[in-house]
């Protein structure tokens, strides 16, 4: 079972990026899936989550309407569209999955982690 995150890069403040996470090894349509991030010297933190069938989504307060999480179960993938990026959004972004919960907000609830993709926002 593997989660492969991609789409990170260097962008100027105010710019946009779309992160993708492709799952392999089994079908993830029954999993809640999430994005977390970890900035240098900081703990990993929740960014966004989406339930199976896309019924529920939830975002961290700092997102402030700038990010949108979505999933395509036919492609076994989850996405994070990030607009209005700020320098404080600079971090390694990780996708995550688990079947046990409707949504995934807590780091301790995660069974599967992707390898991370680096997002750097310049001022």
N, C-alpha and C. Protein backbone atom coordinates (compact mmCIF):
# COMPACT_ATOMS: atom_id res chain seq x y z
N UNK A 1 0.86 -1.18 0.00
CA UNK A 1 0.00 0.00 0.00
C UNK A 1 0.89 1.23 0.00
N UNK A 2 0.60 2.16 -0.91
CA UNK A 2 1.45 3.33 -1.05
C UNK A 2 0.61 4.55 -1.40
N UNK A 3 0.98 5.69 -0.81
CA UNK A 3 0.40 6.97 -1.17
C UNK A 3 1.52 7.83 -1.74
N UNK A 4 1.35 8.30 -2.96
CA UNK A 4 2.38 9.06 -3.65
C UNK A 4 1.90 10.49 -3.86
N UNK A 5 2.48 11.42 -3.12
CA UNK A 5 2.10 12.82 -3.22
C UNK A 5 2.97 13.53 -4.26
N UNK A 6 2.38 14.48 -4.94
CA UNK A 6 3.11 15.26 -5.94
C UNK A 6 2.46 16.63 -6.09
N UNK A 7 3.13 17.52 -6.84
CA UNK A 7 2.56 18.81 -7.14
C UNK A 7 3.15 19.98 -6.37
N UNK A 8 4.04 19.68 -5.44
CA UNK A 8 4.67 20.76 -4.69
C UNK A 8 5.65 21.52 -5.56
N UNK A 9 6.13 22.64 -5.03
CA UNK A 9 7.09 23.44 -5.78
C UNK A 9 7.26 24.80 -5.14
N UNK A 10 7.92 25.68 -5.88
CA UNK A 10 8.16 27.04 -5.43
C UNK A 10 7.17 27.97 -6.10
N UNK A 11 6.50 28.79 -5.31
CA UNK A 11 5.51 29.71 -5.84
C UNK A 11 5.60 31.02 -5.07
N UNK A 12 5.26 32.11 -5.73
CA UNK A 12 5.25 33.40 -5.06
C UNK A 12 3.98 33.55 -4.21
N UNK A 13 4.07 34.38 -3.21
CA UNK A 13 2.91 34.67 -2.38
C UNK A 13 1.75 35.12 -3.25
N UNK A 14 0.57 34.60 -2.94
CA UNK A 14 -0.62 34.88 -3.73
C UNK A 14 -0.86 33.88 -4.85
N UNK A 15 0.11 33.04 -5.11
CA UNK A 15 -0.01 32.05 -6.19
C UNK A 15 -0.80 30.82 -5.79
N UNK A 16 -0.84 29.87 -6.71
CA UNK A 16 -1.64 28.66 -6.50
C UNK A 16 -0.81 27.41 -6.83
N UNK A 17 -1.16 26.33 -6.16
CA UNK A 17 -0.63 25.01 -6.46
C UNK A 17 -1.73 23.99 -6.28
N UNK A 18 -1.64 22.89 -7.01
CA UNK A 18 -2.56 21.78 -6.84
C UNK A 18 -1.76 20.53 -6.50
N UNK A 19 -1.96 20.04 -5.30
CA UNK A 19 -1.29 18.82 -4.86
C UNK A 19 -2.15 17.62 -5.23
N UNK A 20 -1.49 16.55 -5.58
CA UNK A 20 -2.17 15.29 -5.89
C UNK A 20 -1.58 14.18 -5.05
N UNK A 21 -2.40 13.21 -4.74
CA UNK A 21 -1.95 12.04 -4.00
C UNK A 21 -2.59 10.82 -4.63
N UNK A 22 -1.76 9.98 -5.21
CA UNK A 22 -2.24 8.77 -5.86
C UNK A 22 -2.00 7.57 -4.96
N UNK A 23 -3.05 6.81 -4.70
CA UNK A 23 -2.96 5.64 -3.84
C UNK A 23 -2.82 4.38 -4.69
N UNK A 24 -2.08 3.44 -4.20
CA UNK A 24 -1.92 2.18 -4.91
C UNK A 24 -1.84 1.04 -3.92
N UNK A 25 -2.05 -0.15 -4.40
CA UNK A 25 -1.98 -1.32 -3.54
C UNK A 25 -3.35 -1.85 -3.14
N UNK A 26 -4.32 -0.97 -3.08
CA UNK A 26 -5.70 -1.38 -2.83
C UNK A 26 -6.60 -0.18 -3.15
N UNK A 27 -7.90 -0.41 -3.11
CA UNK A 27 -8.86 0.67 -3.36
C UNK A 27 -9.04 1.48 -2.09
N UNK A 28 -9.00 2.82 -2.22
CA UNK A 28 -9.14 3.69 -1.07
C UNK A 28 -10.49 4.39 -1.00
N UNK A 29 -11.45 3.90 -1.76
CA UNK A 29 -12.75 4.58 -1.78
C UNK A 29 -13.46 4.53 -0.44
N UNK A 30 -13.13 3.58 0.42
CA UNK A 30 -13.75 3.48 1.75
C UNK A 30 -12.98 4.25 2.81
N UNK A 31 -11.87 4.85 2.43
CA UNK A 31 -11.05 5.60 3.38
C UNK A 31 -11.45 7.05 3.46
N UNK A 32 -11.36 7.60 4.66
CA UNK A 32 -11.26 9.05 4.78
C UNK A 32 -9.84 9.41 4.37
N UNK A 33 -9.69 10.56 3.73
CA UNK A 33 -8.37 10.98 3.30
C UNK A 33 -8.13 12.43 3.69
N UNK A 34 -6.88 12.74 3.96
CA UNK A 34 -6.56 14.07 4.49
C UNK A 34 -5.22 14.56 3.97
N UNK A 35 -5.01 15.83 4.16
CA UNK A 35 -3.71 16.46 3.97
C UNK A 35 -3.26 17.05 5.30
N UNK A 36 -2.01 16.80 5.62
CA UNK A 36 -1.35 17.40 6.77
C UNK A 36 -0.12 18.13 6.24
N UNK A 37 0.49 18.95 7.09
CA UNK A 37 1.72 19.60 6.68
C UNK A 37 2.66 19.72 7.88
N UNK A 38 3.93 19.84 7.55
CA UNK A 38 4.93 20.00 8.61
C UNK A 38 5.97 21.02 8.14
N UNK A 39 6.01 22.13 8.85
CA UNK A 39 7.00 23.17 8.58
C UNK A 39 8.27 22.87 9.36
N UNK A 40 9.39 23.41 8.92
CA UNK A 40 10.66 23.16 9.62
C UNK A 40 10.57 23.54 11.09
N UNK A 41 10.96 22.62 11.95
CA UNK A 41 10.97 22.89 13.37
C UNK A 41 9.62 22.84 14.05
N UNK A 42 8.60 22.47 13.31
CA UNK A 42 7.24 22.42 13.87
C UNK A 42 6.67 21.01 13.77
N UNK A 43 5.63 20.76 14.53
CA UNK A 43 4.98 19.47 14.48
C UNK A 43 4.05 19.39 13.26
N UNK A 44 3.79 18.18 12.86
CA UNK A 44 2.86 17.96 11.75
C UNK A 44 1.47 18.40 12.16
N UNK A 45 0.77 19.12 11.26
CA UNK A 45 -0.54 19.64 11.59
C UNK A 45 -1.55 19.34 10.49
N UNK A 46 -2.79 19.26 10.90
CA UNK A 46 -3.91 19.00 10.01
C UNK A 46 -4.15 20.18 9.08
N UNK A 47 -4.48 19.87 7.81
CA UNK A 47 -4.82 20.91 6.84
C UNK A 47 -6.27 20.74 6.35
N UNK A 48 -6.59 19.56 5.84
CA UNK A 48 -7.93 19.34 5.27
C UNK A 48 -8.23 17.86 5.24
N UNK A 49 -9.51 17.52 5.32
CA UNK A 49 -9.93 16.13 5.28
C UNK A 49 -11.20 15.98 4.45
N UNK A 50 -11.37 14.81 3.87
CA UNK A 50 -12.57 14.51 3.08
C UNK A 50 -12.99 13.08 3.40
N UNK A 51 -14.28 12.90 3.63
CA UNK A 51 -14.79 11.58 3.97
C UNK A 51 -14.98 10.73 2.71
N UNK A 52 -15.26 9.45 2.92
CA UNK A 52 -15.61 8.60 1.78
C UNK A 52 -16.83 9.18 1.08
N UNK A 53 -16.91 9.02 -0.19
CA UNK A 53 -18.00 9.55 -1.02
C UNK A 53 -18.06 11.08 -1.02
N UNK A 54 -17.03 11.73 -0.50
CA UNK A 54 -16.94 13.20 -0.47
C UNK A 54 -18.10 13.84 0.28
N UNK A 55 -18.68 13.12 1.20
CA UNK A 55 -19.86 13.64 1.89
C UNK A 55 -19.51 14.79 2.83
N UNK A 56 -18.36 14.66 3.50
CA UNK A 56 -17.95 15.70 4.45
C UNK A 56 -16.56 16.20 4.11
N UNK A 57 -16.33 17.47 4.31
CA UNK A 57 -15.00 18.04 4.28
C UNK A 57 -14.81 18.92 5.51
N UNK A 58 -13.57 19.09 5.89
CA UNK A 58 -13.27 19.93 7.04
C UNK A 58 -11.88 20.52 6.82
N UNK A 59 -11.69 21.73 7.29
CA UNK A 59 -10.43 22.43 7.07
C UNK A 59 -9.91 23.03 8.37
N UNK A 60 -8.61 23.16 8.43
CA UNK A 60 -8.00 23.88 9.56
C UNK A 60 -8.38 25.35 9.47
N UNK A 61 -8.42 26.00 10.61
CA UNK A 61 -8.82 27.41 10.65
C UNK A 61 -7.93 28.28 9.78
N UNK A 62 -6.65 27.95 9.71
CA UNK A 62 -5.73 28.81 8.97
C UNK A 62 -5.97 28.77 7.46
N UNK A 63 -6.74 27.81 6.99
CA UNK A 63 -7.03 27.72 5.55
C UNK A 63 -7.84 28.92 5.09
N UNK A 64 -8.81 29.32 5.89
CA UNK A 64 -9.58 30.55 5.64
C UNK A 64 -10.15 30.59 4.22
N UNK A 65 -10.64 29.46 3.73
CA UNK A 65 -11.30 29.42 2.43
C UNK A 65 -10.36 29.39 1.24
N UNK A 66 -9.07 29.29 1.46
CA UNK A 66 -8.12 29.36 0.36
C UNK A 66 -7.87 27.99 -0.30
N UNK A 67 -8.09 26.90 0.43
CA UNK A 67 -7.79 25.55 -0.07
C UNK A 67 -9.08 24.78 -0.29
N UNK A 68 -9.02 23.84 -1.24
CA UNK A 68 -10.15 22.94 -1.47
C UNK A 68 -9.64 21.51 -1.62
N UNK A 69 -10.18 20.61 -0.82
CA UNK A 69 -9.82 19.19 -0.92
C UNK A 69 -10.87 18.49 -1.76
N UNK A 70 -10.44 17.55 -2.58
CA UNK A 70 -11.37 16.77 -3.39
C UNK A 70 -10.77 15.38 -3.61
N UNK A 71 -11.59 14.49 -4.10
CA UNK A 71 -11.12 13.14 -4.36
C UNK A 71 -11.75 12.60 -5.62
N UNK A 72 -11.07 11.68 -6.28
CA UNK A 72 -11.57 10.98 -7.44
C UNK A 72 -11.34 9.50 -7.17
N UNK A 73 -12.36 8.80 -6.74
CA UNK A 73 -12.21 7.40 -6.36
C UNK A 73 -11.92 6.52 -7.57
N UNK A 74 -12.36 6.94 -8.74
CA UNK A 74 -12.05 6.16 -9.95
C UNK A 74 -10.55 6.16 -10.22
N UNK A 75 -9.87 7.23 -9.78
CA UNK A 75 -8.42 7.33 -9.95
C UNK A 75 -7.67 7.04 -8.67
N UNK A 76 -8.42 6.66 -7.61
CA UNK A 76 -7.80 6.36 -6.33
C UNK A 76 -6.92 7.51 -5.86
N UNK A 77 -7.43 8.72 -5.99
CA UNK A 77 -6.62 9.91 -5.74
C UNK A 77 -7.36 10.95 -4.91
N UNK A 78 -6.57 11.77 -4.23
CA UNK A 78 -7.08 12.91 -3.49
C UNK A 78 -6.26 14.12 -3.89
N UNK A 79 -6.88 15.29 -3.86
CA UNK A 79 -6.24 16.50 -4.33
C UNK A 79 -6.38 17.62 -3.30
N UNK A 80 -5.49 18.59 -3.39
CA UNK A 80 -5.60 19.80 -2.57
C UNK A 80 -5.28 20.99 -3.47
N UNK A 81 -6.31 21.75 -3.80
CA UNK A 81 -6.13 22.98 -4.56
C UNK A 81 -5.86 24.09 -3.58
N UNK A 82 -4.70 24.75 -3.73
CA UNK A 82 -4.30 25.80 -2.81
C UNK A 82 -4.18 27.11 -3.55
N UNK A 83 -4.99 28.07 -3.18
CA UNK A 83 -4.96 29.40 -3.77
C UNK A 83 -4.57 30.42 -2.71
N UNK A 84 -4.15 31.58 -3.13
CA UNK A 84 -3.79 32.62 -2.18
C UNK A 84 -2.71 32.20 -1.21
N UNK A 85 -1.70 31.52 -1.71
CA UNK A 85 -0.66 30.98 -0.83
C UNK A 85 0.11 32.09 -0.13
N UNK A 86 0.49 31.80 1.10
CA UNK A 86 1.23 32.73 1.94
C UNK A 86 2.58 32.11 2.31
N UNK A 87 3.57 32.92 2.63
CA UNK A 87 4.86 32.35 3.06
C UNK A 87 4.73 31.38 4.23
N UNK A 88 3.77 31.61 5.11
CA UNK A 88 3.58 30.71 6.24
C UNK A 88 2.97 29.36 5.85
N UNK A 89 2.59 29.21 4.59
CA UNK A 89 2.13 27.91 4.10
C UNK A 89 3.30 27.02 3.69
N UNK A 90 4.50 27.54 3.73
CA UNK A 90 5.68 26.75 3.38
C UNK A 90 5.82 25.57 4.33
N UNK A 91 5.87 24.37 3.74
CA UNK A 91 5.94 23.14 4.54
C UNK A 91 6.02 21.95 3.60
N UNK A 92 6.31 20.80 4.17
CA UNK A 92 6.13 19.54 3.46
C UNK A 92 4.69 19.09 3.70
N UNK A 93 3.99 18.82 2.63
CA UNK A 93 2.59 18.42 2.70
C UNK A 93 2.49 16.91 2.50
N UNK A 94 1.74 16.27 3.40
CA UNK A 94 1.57 14.83 3.39
C UNK A 94 0.11 14.46 3.19
N UNK A 95 -0.14 13.47 2.36
CA UNK A 95 -1.48 12.92 2.29
C UNK A 95 -1.57 11.73 3.25
N UNK A 96 -2.79 11.44 3.66
CA UNK A 96 -3.00 10.40 4.66
C UNK A 96 -4.33 9.72 4.42
N UNK A 97 -4.44 8.48 4.87
CA UNK A 97 -5.68 7.72 4.67
C UNK A 97 -5.91 6.77 5.83
N UNK A 98 -7.17 6.49 6.08
CA UNK A 98 -7.54 5.51 7.11
C UNK A 98 -9.00 5.14 6.91
N UNK A 99 -9.33 3.88 7.16
CA UNK A 99 -10.71 3.42 6.99
C UNK A 99 -11.53 3.53 8.26
N UNK A 100 -10.88 3.78 9.40
CA UNK A 100 -11.57 3.64 10.69
C UNK A 100 -12.42 4.84 11.06
N UNK A 101 -12.18 5.99 10.42
CA UNK A 101 -12.84 7.22 10.84
C UNK A 101 -13.52 7.89 9.65
N UNK A 102 -14.55 8.68 9.97
CA UNK A 102 -15.27 9.38 8.92
C UNK A 102 -14.42 10.49 8.32
N UNK A 103 -13.69 11.18 9.17
CA UNK A 103 -12.73 12.19 8.73
C UNK A 103 -11.46 12.01 9.54
N UNK A 104 -10.36 12.53 9.05
CA UNK A 104 -9.07 12.37 9.70
C UNK A 104 -8.51 13.73 10.05
N UNK A 105 -8.47 14.04 11.34
CA UNK A 105 -7.95 15.31 11.80
C UNK A 105 -6.74 15.13 12.70
N UNK A 106 -6.68 14.03 13.36
CA UNK A 106 -5.62 13.78 14.34
C UNK A 106 -4.50 12.94 13.73
N UNK A 107 -3.28 13.37 13.95
CA UNK A 107 -2.12 12.65 13.44
C UNK A 107 -2.11 11.21 13.93
N UNK A 108 -2.54 10.99 15.15
CA UNK A 108 -2.49 9.66 15.75
C UNK A 108 -3.50 8.69 15.14
N UNK A 109 -4.44 9.18 14.34
CA UNK A 109 -5.48 8.33 13.75
C UNK A 109 -5.07 7.75 12.40
N UNK A 110 -3.90 8.10 11.90
CA UNK A 110 -3.53 7.78 10.53
C UNK A 110 -2.86 6.41 10.42
N UNK A 111 -3.37 5.60 9.49
CA UNK A 111 -2.74 4.31 9.21
C UNK A 111 -1.75 4.40 8.07
N UNK A 112 -2.07 5.24 7.07
CA UNK A 112 -1.22 5.33 5.88
C UNK A 112 -0.80 6.77 5.63
N UNK A 113 0.48 6.98 5.44
CA UNK A 113 1.04 8.28 5.11
C UNK A 113 1.71 8.24 3.75
N UNK A 114 1.58 9.33 2.99
CA UNK A 114 2.36 9.50 1.79
C UNK A 114 3.74 10.01 2.16
N UNK A 115 4.60 10.15 1.16
CA UNK A 115 6.00 10.50 1.45
C UNK A 115 6.21 12.01 1.58
N UNK A 116 5.25 12.82 1.20
CA UNK A 116 5.36 14.26 1.34
C UNK A 116 5.83 14.94 0.08
N UNK A 117 5.34 16.16 -0.11
CA UNK A 117 5.78 17.00 -1.23
C UNK A 117 6.00 18.41 -0.69
N UNK A 118 7.12 19.02 -1.06
CA UNK A 118 7.52 20.30 -0.48
C UNK A 118 6.86 21.46 -1.21
N UNK A 119 6.24 22.32 -0.43
CA UNK A 119 5.67 23.56 -0.94
C UNK A 119 6.45 24.72 -0.33
N UNK A 120 6.98 25.57 -1.19
CA UNK A 120 7.73 26.74 -0.74
C UNK A 120 7.09 27.98 -1.32
N UNK A 121 6.70 28.90 -0.45
CA UNK A 121 6.04 30.13 -0.87
C UNK A 121 6.96 31.30 -0.56
N UNK A 122 7.38 32.00 -1.58
CA UNK A 122 8.28 33.14 -1.39
C UNK A 122 7.48 34.43 -1.24
N UNK A 123 8.05 35.35 -0.48
CA UNK A 123 7.36 36.62 -0.23
C UNK A 123 7.72 37.66 -1.28
